[in-house]
Amino acid sequence: MSTVDIHDYLDYRKFLRDWFDAHKKENPRFSHRAFVRRTGQRSPSLLADVIKGRRNLTPQAAASFVRAMRLNAEEGAFFKALVALDQGETHQEKNDAWSHISSSRKLSQVRRIEGEAFRCLSHWYYPAIRELAALESFVEDPQWIAERLAPPITPHQAAQALKSLLEVGMLVREGGRLKPSEGLARTPHEVVGLAVHNYHDGMLDLARRAIHDVPARRRHFTAVTTSIPRSKVAELKQELAAFQERLLALCDAGEDPDEEVIQINLHFFPLTGEPE
C-alpha cells in the first residue's frame, strides 16, 4: 500500500509524480496509460503532461483523477484545493484554496508553521505589530495593540497575530518582553507570490484610506506621470530598490528611540497597455 500522503504536499504535480512512482514500485506493470484508463480520459500522455506542467487539470479532469487514485472525500477535496492553488485564475480563488489547505486538520506541523508565515505576510497588521514591538512604549496586551494601530483592529485579531508572530519566529521573548527578531517568516514557495500580492494589496488599500483619513502633517504622497522607453524599466526597479535601502538606513540611524510605526510604499506602474 502506498505511503504517499497528500497532506505533505502543496504542489499537486509533485504529489502525482510521487503517487505514481510509489504505485509503480509496488506493481511494475502499472503505467501512465493504465492510470489514464482509470480516469476515463482519452490522451495516454495526460498524466505525464500534467506532472511535467505541459497541461493543466480542468475541474472535471481533477475529479476523474481523484476517482482514479481512490482518494477518500477529505483527500479528494484537498487534492482539488491544491489544483485550484496552482491554477486559480484570480487571487481570490487561490486564497480560498489556501484557506482550505491550511485549515486541514491533517496538514503536517511543518506546513502549519508555513501557513502561519503566509498569514503574517497576508495581513497588514502582522508586520505592523512586529514593528510595534520595537517601541519602548510597547505593551504586550491585545487590547492596547488593537487600539494603537491605525486603523484599529480587534483584540482577537491582535491576540492571533501575537501567537502567529511568535510561532514563526518574527517575534521573540527577551528579558521578559517581546522584541522583533532578525529572522524572516518562512513562507512555502508555492504561495510566496500570493502572500506578496496580499501584502501589497492590503497596504495599497491602507494608502488609499490614508489620503482621506490621515492629516497631511503625518503623511506624504507624491507622484509623477511620465513617458519612458521600456528599456528603462529594469533600471528604474534597481533605483527604487537602492532608494529603499537608503531609506531603511536612514530610519535605523541615530540614537533616538523609535516612537511610531510607518509604512513606506515605493512603486511605479504602466498607464498604457502592451502594444499589439
C-alpha atoms as a PDB file:
ATOM      1  CA  MET A   1       0.000   0.000   0.000  1.00  0.00           C
ATOM      2  CA  SER A   2       1.324   3.444  -0.957  1.00  0.00           C
ATOM      3  CA  THR A   3       2.581   5.578   1.924  1.00  0.00           C
ATOM      4  CA  VAL A   4       2.395   8.837  -0.078  1.00  0.00           C
ATOM      5  CA  ASP A   5       0.299  11.273   1.982  1.00  0.00           C
ATOM      6  CA  ILE A   6      -1.262  14.119   0.049  1.00  0.00           C
ATOM      7  CA  HIS A   7      -1.174  16.327   3.154  1.00  0.00           C
ATOM      8  CA  ASP A   8       2.616  16.507   2.863  1.00  0.00           C
ATOM      9  CA  TYR A   9       2.310  18.385  -0.436  1.00  0.00           C
ATOM     10  CA  LEU A  10       1.478  21.870  -1.649  1.00  0.00           C
ATOM     11  CA  ASP A  11       2.250  21.089  -5.299  1.00  0.00           C
ATOM     12  CA  TYR A  12      -0.280  18.690  -6.798  1.00  0.00           C
ATOM     13  CA  ARG A  13       2.054  17.816  -9.682  1.00  0.00           C
ATOM     14  CA  LYS A  14       4.756  16.620  -7.272  1.00  0.00           C
ATOM     15  CA  PHE A  15       2.126  14.596  -5.428  1.00  0.00           C
ATOM     16  CA  LEU A  16       1.002  12.951  -8.681  1.00  0.00           C
ATOM     17  CA  ARG A  17       4.602  12.115  -9.570  1.00  0.00           C
ATOM     18  CA  ASP A  18       5.338  10.561  -6.173  1.00  0.00           C
ATOM     19  CA  TRP A  19       1.960   8.796  -6.035  1.00  0.00           C
ATOM     20  CA  PHE A  20       2.574   7.199  -9.432  1.00  0.00           C
ATOM     21  CA  ASP A  21       6.201   6.271  -8.605  1.00  0.00           C
ATOM     22  CA  ALA A  22       5.057   4.588  -5.367  1.00  0.00           C
ATOM     23  CA  HIS A  23       2.407   2.550  -7.175  1.00  0.00           C
ATOM     24  CA  LYS A  24       4.827   1.697  -9.969  1.00  0.00           C
ATOM     25  CA  LYS A  25       7.252   0.361  -7.375  1.00  0.00           C
ATOM     26  CA  GLU A  26       4.520  -1.832  -5.901  1.00  0.00           C
ATOM     27  CA  ASN A  27       3.354  -3.008  -9.316  1.00  0.00           C
ATOM     28  CA  PRO A  28       5.934  -2.702 -12.144  1.00  0.00           C
ATOM     29  CA  ARG A  29       3.174  -3.278 -14.699  1.00  0.00           C
ATOM     30  CA  PHE A  30       1.345  -0.126 -13.618  1.00  0.00           C
ATOM     31  CA  SER A  31       1.766   2.537 -16.335  1.00  0.00           C
ATOM     32  CA  HIS A  32       0.722   6.072 -17.248  1.00  0.00           C
ATOM     33  CA  ARG A  33      -1.610   4.567 -19.822  1.00  0.00           C
ATOM     34  CA  ALA A  34      -3.198   2.308 -17.192  1.00  0.00           C
ATOM     35  CA  PHE A  35      -3.754   5.285 -14.902  1.00  0.00           C
ATOM     36  CA  VAL A  36      -5.346   7.349 -17.665  1.00  0.00           C
ATOM     37  CA  ARG A  37      -7.700   4.449 -18.431  1.00  0.00           C
ATOM     38  CA  ARG A  38      -8.818   4.626 -14.799  1.00  0.00           C
ATOM     39  CA  THR A  39      -9.696   8.310 -15.262  1.00  0.00           C
ATOM     40  CA  GLY A  40     -11.797   7.729 -18.353  1.00  0.00           C
ATOM     41  CA  GLN A  41      -9.731  10.310 -20.247  1.00  0.00           C
ATOM     42  CA  ARG A  42      -8.534   9.666 -23.803  1.00  0.00           C
ATOM     43  CA  SER A  43      -4.999  11.046 -24.032  1.00  0.00           C
ATOM     44  CA  PRO A  44      -2.480   8.336 -22.982  1.00  0.00           C
ATOM     45  CA  SER A  45       0.091  11.061 -22.207  1.00  0.00           C
ATOM     46  CA  LEU A  46      -2.250  13.048 -19.927  1.00  0.00           C
ATOM     47  CA  LEU A  47      -0.625  12.062 -16.627  1.00  0.00           C
ATOM     48  CA  ALA A  48       2.917  12.723 -17.894  1.00  0.00           C
ATOM     49  CA  ASP A  49       1.861  16.055 -19.400  1.00  0.00           C
ATOM     50  CA  VAL A  50       0.235  17.199 -16.149  1.00  0.00           C
ATOM     51  CA  ILE A  51       3.181  16.117 -13.996  1.00  0.00           C
ATOM     52  CA  LYS A  52       5.624  17.974 -16.263  1.00  0.00           C
ATOM     53  CA  GLY A  53       3.448  21.101 -16.347  1.00  0.00           C
ATOM     54  CA  ARG A  54       2.601  20.849 -20.035  1.00  0.00           C
ATOM     55  CA  ARG A  55      -1.116  20.596 -19.263  1.00  0.00           C
ATOM     56  CA  ASN A  56      -3.449  21.743 -16.507  1.00  0.00           C
ATOM     57  CA  LEU A  57      -6.350  19.873 -14.977  1.00  0.00           C
ATOM     58  CA  THR A  58      -9.897  21.013 -15.615  1.00  0.00           C
ATOM     59  CA  PRO A  59     -12.324  20.595 -12.675  1.00  0.00           C
ATOM     60  CA  GLN A  60     -13.778  17.544 -14.448  1.00  0.00           C
ATOM     61  CA  ALA A  61     -10.333  16.035 -15.010  1.00  0.00           C
ATOM     62  CA  ALA A  62      -9.349  16.725 -11.400  1.00  0.00           C
ATOM     63  CA  ALA A  63     -12.453  14.842 -10.239  1.00  0.00           C
ATOM     64  CA  SER A  64     -11.544  11.916 -12.508  1.00  0.00           C
ATOM     65  CA  PHE A  65      -8.012  11.870 -11.059  1.00  0.00           C
ATOM     66  CA  VAL A  66      -9.463  11.730  -7.538  1.00  0.00           C
ATOM     67  CA  ARG A  67     -11.519   8.688  -8.525  1.00  0.00           C
ATOM     68  CA  ALA A  68      -8.572   7.033 -10.290  1.00  0.00           C
ATOM     69  CA  MET A  69      -6.341   7.438  -7.211  1.00  0.00           C
ATOM     70  CA  ARG A  70      -9.190   6.223  -4.988  1.00  0.00           C
ATOM     71  CA  LEU A  71      -8.806   9.149  -2.607  1.00  0.00           C
ATOM     72  CA  ASN A  72     -11.391   9.495   0.128  1.00  0.00           C
ATOM     73  CA  ALA A  73     -13.664  12.556   0.347  1.00  0.00           C
ATOM     74  CA  GLU A  74     -11.294  14.600   2.507  1.00  0.00           C
ATOM     75  CA  GLU A  75      -8.242  13.707   0.441  1.00  0.00           C
ATOM     76  CA  GLY A  76     -10.139  14.430  -2.767  1.00  0.00           C
ATOM     77  CA  ALA A  77     -11.160  17.873  -1.540  1.00  0.00           C
ATOM     78  CA  PHE A  78      -7.540  18.545  -0.532  1.00  0.00           C
ATOM     79  CA  PHE A  79      -6.305  17.491  -3.982  1.00  0.00           C
ATOM     80  CA  LYS A  80      -8.818  19.763  -5.723  1.00  0.00           C
ATOM     81  CA  ALA A  81      -7.721  22.638  -3.481  1.00  0.00           C
ATOM     82  CA  LEU A  82      -4.093  22.029  -4.499  1.00  0.00           C
ATOM     83  CA  VAL A  83      -5.159  22.190  -8.138  1.00  0.00           C
ATOM     84  CA  ALA A  84      -7.004  25.468  -7.508  1.00  0.00           C
ATOM     85  CA  LEU A  85      -3.987  26.887  -5.649  1.00  0.00           C
ATOM     86  CA  ASP A  86      -1.840  26.228  -8.713  1.00  0.00           C
ATOM     87  CA  GLN A  87      -4.334  27.064 -11.455  1.00  0.00           C
ATOM     88  CA  GLY A  88      -6.779  29.564  -9.950  1.00  0.00           C
ATOM     89  CA  GLU A  89      -7.460  32.412 -12.369  1.00  0.00           C
ATOM     90  CA  THR A  90      -7.895  35.039  -9.650  1.00  0.00           C
ATOM     91  CA  HIS A  91      -6.082  35.724  -6.394  1.00  0.00           C
ATOM     92  CA  GLN A  92      -9.389  35.228  -4.575  1.00  0.00           C
ATOM     93  CA  GLU A  93      -9.625  31.676  -5.952  1.00  0.00           C
ATOM     94  CA  LYS A  94      -6.061  30.999  -4.845  1.00  0.00           C
ATOM     95  CA  ASN A  95      -6.704  32.473  -1.394  1.00  0.00           C
ATOM     96  CA  ASP A  96      -9.849  30.371  -0.989  1.00  0.00           C
ATOM     97  CA  ALA A  97      -7.859  27.272  -1.968  1.00  0.00           C
ATOM     98  CA  TRP A  98      -5.085  28.098   0.511  1.00  0.00           C
ATOM     99  CA  SER A  99      -7.668  28.688   3.239  1.00  0.00           C
ATOM    100  CA  HIS A 100      -8.989  25.154   2.703  1.00  0.00           C
ATOM    101  CA  ILE A 101      -5.486  23.668   2.619  1.00  0.00           C
ATOM    102  CA  SER A 102      -4.157  25.469   5.700  1.00  0.00           C
ATOM    103  CA  SER A 103      -7.247  24.645   7.761  1.00  0.00           C
ATOM    104  CA  SER A 104      -6.918  20.906   7.173  1.00  0.00           C
ATOM    105  CA  ARG A 105      -6.551  19.069  10.463  1.00  0.00           C
ATOM    106  CA  LYS A 106      -4.188  16.593   8.787  1.00  0.00           C
ATOM    107  CA  LEU A 107      -1.765  19.199   7.476  1.00  0.00           C
ATOM    108  CA  SER A 108       1.719  18.423   8.755  1.00  0.00           C
ATOM    109  CA  GLN A 109       3.170  20.563  11.549  1.00  0.00           C
ATOM    110  CA  VAL A 110       5.806  21.982   9.188  1.00  0.00           C
ATOM    111  CA  ARG A 111       3.088  23.065   6.788  1.00  0.00           C
ATOM    112  CA  ARG A 112       1.111  24.576   9.665  1.00  0.00           C
ATOM    113  CA  ILE A 113       4.091  26.756  10.574  1.00  0.00           C
ATOM    114  CA  GLU A 114       4.409  27.778   6.939  1.00  0.00           C
ATOM    115  CA  GLY A 115       0.711  28.565   6.936  1.00  0.00           C
ATOM    116  CA  GLU A 116       1.212  30.911   9.861  1.00  0.00           C
ATOM    117  CA  ALA A 117       4.054  32.564   7.935  1.00  0.00           C
ATOM    118  CA  PHE A 118       1.687  33.058   4.999  1.00  0.00           C
ATOM    119  CA  ARG A 119      -0.814  34.657   7.360  1.00  0.00           C
ATOM    120  CA  CYS A 120       1.911  37.004   8.647  1.00  0.00           C
ATOM    121  CA  LEU A 121       2.503  38.350   5.147  1.00  0.00           C
ATOM    122  CA  SER A 122      -1.118  38.389   4.047  1.00  0.00           C
ATOM    123  CA  HIS A 123      -2.481  40.735   6.739  1.00  0.00           C
ATOM    124  CA  TRP A 124      -1.139  44.273   7.007  1.00  0.00           C
ATOM    125  CA  TYR A 125      -1.276  44.406  10.799  1.00  0.00           C
ATOM    126  CA  TYR A 126       1.065  41.432  11.348  1.00  0.00           C
ATOM    127  CA  PRO A 127       4.242  43.248  10.186  1.00  0.00           C
ATOM    128  CA  ALA A 128       2.905  46.406  11.854  1.00  0.00           C
ATOM    129  CA  ILE A 129       2.645  44.617  15.218  1.00  0.00           C
ATOM    130  CA  ARG A 130       6.133  43.181  14.756  1.00  0.00           C
ATOM    131  CA  GLU A 131       7.495  46.712  14.364  1.00  0.00           C
ATOM    132  CA  LEU A 132       5.281  47.992  17.169  1.00  0.00           C
ATOM    133  CA  ALA A 133       7.082  45.584  19.498  1.00  0.00           C
ATOM    134  CA  ALA A 134      10.300  47.534  18.859  1.00  0.00           C
ATOM    135  CA  LEU A 135       8.899  50.626  20.589  1.00  0.00           C
ATOM    136  CA  GLU A 136       9.863  51.261  24.218  1.00  0.00           C
ATOM    137  CA  SER A 137       6.207  52.015  24.944  1.00  0.00           C
ATOM    138  CA  PHE A 138       5.044  48.623  23.638  1.00  0.00           C
ATOM    139  CA  VAL A 139       2.588  46.772  25.873  1.00  0.00           C
ATOM    140  CA  GLU A 140       2.004  43.066  25.284  1.00  0.00           C
ATOM    141  CA  ASP A 141      -1.738  43.396  25.572  1.00  0.00           C
ATOM    142  CA  PRO A 142      -4.130  42.677  22.669  1.00  0.00           C
ATOM    143  CA  GLN A 143      -6.445  45.482  23.718  1.00  0.00           C
ATOM    144  CA  TRP A 144      -3.593  48.012  23.802  1.00  0.00           C
ATOM    145  CA  ILE A 145      -2.249  46.800  20.449  1.00  0.00           C
ATOM    146  CA  ALA A 146      -5.683  46.854  18.807  1.00  0.00           C
ATOM    147  CA  GLU A 147      -6.264  50.462  19.853  1.00  0.00           C
ATOM    148  CA  ARG A 148      -2.726  51.596  18.999  1.00  0.00           C
ATOM    149  CA  LEU A 149      -2.886  50.557  15.333  1.00  0.00           C
ATOM    150  CA  ALA A 150      -4.422  52.764  12.677  1.00  0.00           C
ATOM    151  CA  PRO A 151      -6.895  51.760  11.509  1.00  0.00           C
ATOM    152  CA  PRO A 152      -7.754  49.880  14.720  1.00  0.00           C
ATOM    153  CA  ILE A 153      -8.146  46.101  14.713  1.00  0.00           C
ATOM    154  CA  THR A 154      -9.954  43.863  17.183  1.00  0.00           C
ATOM    155  CA  PRO A 155      -8.282  42.469  20.328  1.00  0.00           C
ATOM    156  CA  HIS A 156      -8.928  38.973  18.925  1.00  0.00           C
ATOM    157  CA  GLN A 157      -7.013  39.837  15.751  1.00  0.00           C
ATOM    158  CA  ALA A 158      -4.168  41.256  17.843  1.00  0.00           C
ATOM    159  CA  ALA A 159      -4.010  38.123  20.011  1.00  0.00           C
ATOM    160  CA  GLN A 160      -3.952  35.847  16.953  1.00  0.00           C
ATOM    161  CA  ALA A 161      -1.217  37.967  15.385  1.00  0.00           C
ATOM    162  CA  LEU A 162       0.961  37.761  18.514  1.00  0.00           C
ATOM    163  CA  LYS A 163       0.542  33.988  18.595  1.00  0.00           C
ATOM    164  CA  SER A 164       1.458  33.598  14.912  1.00  0.00           C
ATOM    165  CA  LEU A 165       4.394  36.022  15.032  1.00  0.00           C
ATOM    166  CA  LEU A 166       5.853  34.107  17.975  1.00  0.00           C
ATOM    167  CA  GLU A 167       5.233  30.742  16.311  1.00  0.00           C
ATOM    168  CA  VAL A 168       7.101  31.661  13.118  1.00  0.00           C
ATOM    169  CA  GLY A 169       9.900  33.451  14.984  1.00  0.00           C
ATOM    170  CA  MET A 170       9.195  37.005  13.809  1.00  0.00           C
ATOM    171  CA  LEU A 171       8.814  37.941  17.478  1.00  0.00           C
ATOM    172  CA  VAL A 172      10.986  36.577  20.292  1.00  0.00           C
ATOM    173  CA  ARG A 173      10.872  36.962  24.051  1.00  0.00           C
ATOM    174  CA  GLU A 174      13.979  38.507  25.591  1.00  0.00           C
ATOM    175  CA  GLY A 175      14.318  39.735  29.142  1.00  0.00           C
ATOM    176  CA  GLY A 176      10.641  39.215  29.828  1.00  0.00           C
ATOM    177  CA  ARG A 177       9.370  41.253  26.871  1.00  0.00           C
ATOM    178  CA  LEU A 178       8.637  40.722  23.198  1.00  0.00           C
ATOM    179  CA  LYS A 179      11.026  42.016  20.567  1.00  0.00           C
ATOM    180  CA  PRO A 180      11.180  41.720  16.778  1.00  0.00           C
ATOM    181  CA  SER A 181      13.676  39.124  15.594  1.00  0.00           C
ATOM    182  CA  GLU A 182      16.069  39.373  12.681  1.00  0.00           C
ATOM    183  CA  GLY A 183      14.573  36.293  11.024  1.00  0.00           C
ATOM    184  CA  LEU A 184      12.054  36.272   8.208  1.00  0.00           C
ATOM    185  CA  ALA A 185       8.878  34.227   8.031  1.00  0.00           C
ATOM    186  CA  ARG A 186       9.399  31.006   6.080  1.00  0.00           C
ATOM    187  CA  THR A 187       6.622  31.013   3.523  1.00  0.00           C
ATOM    188  CA  PRO A 188       6.218  27.962   1.255  1.00  0.00           C
ATOM    189  CA  HIS A 189       7.434  28.829  -2.234  1.00  0.00           C
ATOM    190  CA  GLU A 190       4.167  27.601  -3.729  1.00  0.00           C
ATOM    191  CA  VAL A 191       2.342  30.580  -2.153  1.00  0.00           C
ATOM    192  CA  VAL A 192       5.083  33.231  -1.907  1.00  0.00           C
ATOM    193  CA  GLY A 193       3.662  35.166  -4.851  1.00  0.00           C
ATOM    194  CA  LEU A 194       0.152  35.010  -3.406  1.00  0.00           C
ATOM    195  CA  ALA A 195       1.345  36.203   0.017  1.00  0.00           C
ATOM    196  CA  VAL A 196       3.248  39.115  -1.548  1.00  0.00           C
ATOM    197  CA  HIS A 197       0.173  40.039  -3.578  1.00  0.00           C
ATOM    198  CA  ASN A 198      -1.965  40.040  -0.445  1.00  0.00           C
ATOM    199  CA  TYR A 199       0.606  42.172   1.400  1.00  0.00           C
ATOM    200  CA  HIS A 200       0.763  44.849  -1.292  1.00  0.00           C
ATOM    201  CA  ASP A 201      -2.989  44.762  -1.860  1.00  0.00           C
ATOM    202  CA  GLY A 202      -3.594  45.390   1.836  1.00  0.00           C
ATOM    203  CA  MET A 203      -1.004  48.159   2.100  1.00  0.00           C
ATOM    204  CA  LEU A 204      -2.285  49.946  -1.020  1.00  0.00           C
ATOM    205  CA  ASP A 205      -5.789  49.827   0.422  1.00  0.00           C
ATOM    206  CA  LEU A 206      -4.471  51.489   3.590  1.00  0.00           C
ATOM    207  CA  ALA A 207      -2.705  54.098   1.459  1.00  0.00           C
ATOM    208  CA  ARG A 208      -5.979  54.966  -0.281  1.00  0.00           C
ATOM    209  CA  ARG A 209      -7.679  55.355   3.081  1.00  0.00           C
ATOM    210  CA  ALA A 210      -4.820  57.450   4.481  1.00  0.00           C
ATOM    211  CA  ILE A 211      -5.302  60.071   1.755  1.00  0.00           C
ATOM    212  CA  HIS A 212      -8.681  60.872   3.312  1.00  0.00           C
ATOM    213  CA  ASP A 213      -8.259  59.897   6.961  1.00  0.00           C
ATOM    214  CA  VAL A 214      -4.709  60.914   7.950  1.00  0.00           C
ATOM    215  CA  PRO A 215      -3.788  64.617   8.434  1.00  0.00           C
ATOM    216  CA  ALA A 216      -1.342  65.951   5.828  1.00  0.00           C
ATOM    217  CA  ARG A 217       1.259  66.714   8.517  1.00  0.00           C
ATOM    218  CA  ARG A 218       1.506  62.971   9.223  1.00  0.00           C
ATOM    219  CA  ARG A 219       1.640  61.644   5.663  1.00  0.00           C
ATOM    220  CA  HIS A 220       3.323  62.380   2.353  1.00  0.00           C
ATOM    221  CA  PHE A 221       2.126  61.411  -1.098  1.00  0.00           C
ATOM    222  CA  THR A 222       3.996  62.308  -4.234  1.00  0.00           C
ATOM    223  CA  ALA A 223       3.558  61.123  -7.794  1.00  0.00           C
ATOM    224  CA  VAL A 224       4.673  61.898 -11.300  1.00  0.00           C
ATOM    225  CA  THR A 225       3.299  60.811 -14.658  1.00  0.00           C
ATOM    226  CA  THR A 226       5.901  60.488 -17.390  1.00  0.00           C
ATOM    227  CA  SER A 227       6.757  58.526 -20.517  1.00  0.00           C
ATOM    228  CA  ILE A 228       9.758  56.192 -20.773  1.00  0.00           C
ATOM    229  CA  PRO A 229      11.339  53.673 -23.134  1.00  0.00           C
ATOM    230  CA  ARG A 230      10.651  50.119 -21.956  1.00  0.00           C
ATOM    231  CA  SER A 231      14.404  49.569 -21.729  1.00  0.00           C
ATOM    232  CA  LYS A 232      14.387  51.801 -18.623  1.00  0.00           C
ATOM    233  CA  VAL A 233      12.067  49.575 -16.557  1.00  0.00           C
ATOM    234  CA  ALA A 234      14.821  47.343 -15.141  1.00  0.00           C
ATOM    235  CA  GLU A 235      16.950  50.377 -14.241  1.00  0.00           C
ATOM    236  CA  LEU A 236      14.005  52.065 -12.516  1.00  0.00           C
ATOM    237  CA  LYS A 237      13.395  48.941 -10.423  1.00  0.00           C
ATOM    238  CA  GLN A 238      17.061  48.913  -9.366  1.00  0.00           C
ATOM    239  CA  GLU A 239      16.935  52.592  -8.416  1.00  0.00           C
ATOM    240  CA  LEU A 240      13.784  52.090  -6.339  1.00  0.00           C
ATOM    241  CA  ALA A 241      15.360  49.106  -4.551  1.00  0.00           C
ATOM    242  CA  ALA A 242      18.517  51.117  -3.821  1.00  0.00           C
ATOM    243  CA  PHE A 243      16.432  54.071  -2.606  1.00  0.00           C
ATOM    244  CA  GLN A 244      14.507  51.764  -0.298  1.00  0.00           C
ATOM    245  CA  GLU A 245      17.769  50.558   1.231  1.00  0.00           C
ATOM    246  CA  ARG A 246      18.878  54.180   1.789  1.00  0.00           C
ATOM    247  CA  LEU A 247      15.570  54.980   3.469  1.00  0.00           C
ATOM    248  CA  LEU A 248      15.877  51.959   5.785  1.00  0.00           C
ATOM    249  CA  ALA A 249      19.422  53.001   6.677  1.00  0.00           C
ATOM    250  CA  LEU A 250      18.127  56.499   7.485  1.00  0.00           C
ATOM    251  CA  CYS A 251      15.384  55.020   9.693  1.00  0.00           C
ATOM    252  CA  ASP A 252      17.965  52.952  11.595  1.00  0.00           C
ATOM    253  CA  ALA A 253      20.422  55.829  12.043  1.00  0.00           C
ATOM    254  CA  GLY A 254      20.541  57.957  15.169  1.00  0.00           C
ATOM    255  CA  GLU A 255      20.134  57.321  18.858  1.00  0.00           C
ATOM    256  CA  ASP A 256      16.545  58.493  19.397  1.00  0.00           C
ATOM    257  CA  PRO A 257      14.138  55.708  20.442  1.00  0.00           C
ATOM    258  CA  ASP A 258      11.507  54.517  17.977  1.00  0.00           C
ATOM    259  CA  GLU A 259       8.100  56.075  18.657  1.00  0.00           C
ATOM    260  CA  GLU A 260       5.924  55.286  15.680  1.00  0.00           C
ATOM    261  CA  VAL A 261       5.372  52.577  13.041  1.00  0.00           C
ATOM    262  CA  ILE A 262       5.107  53.810   9.448  1.00  0.00           C
ATOM    263  CA  GLN A 263       4.586  52.231   6.029  1.00  0.00           C
ATOM    264  CA  ILE A 264       6.741  53.316   3.070  1.00  0.00           C
ATOM    265  CA  ASN A 265       5.481  52.377  -0.391  1.00  0.00           C
ATOM    266  CA  LEU A 266       7.689  52.784  -3.436  1.00  0.00           C
ATOM    267  CA  HIS A 267       6.100  51.853  -6.716  1.00  0.00           C
ATOM    268  CA  PHE A 268       5.541  52.657 -10.340  1.00  0.00           C
ATOM    269  CA  PHE A 269       3.199  51.062 -12.837  1.00  0.00           C
ATOM    270  CA  PRO A 270       2.251  51.473 -16.530  1.00  0.00           C
ATOM    271  CA  LEU A 271      -0.758  53.550 -17.523  1.00  0.00           C
ATOM    272  CA  THR A 272      -0.666  52.262 -21.094  1.00  0.00           C
ATOM    273  CA  GLY A 273      -1.305  48.782 -22.448  1.00  0.00           C
ATOM    274  CA  GLU A 274       1.070  46.388 -24.163  1.00  0.00           C
ATOM    275  CA  PRO A 275       1.494  47.021 -27.919  1.00  0.00           C
ATOM    276  CA  GLU A 276      -0.310  44.536 -30.132  1.00  0.00           C
END
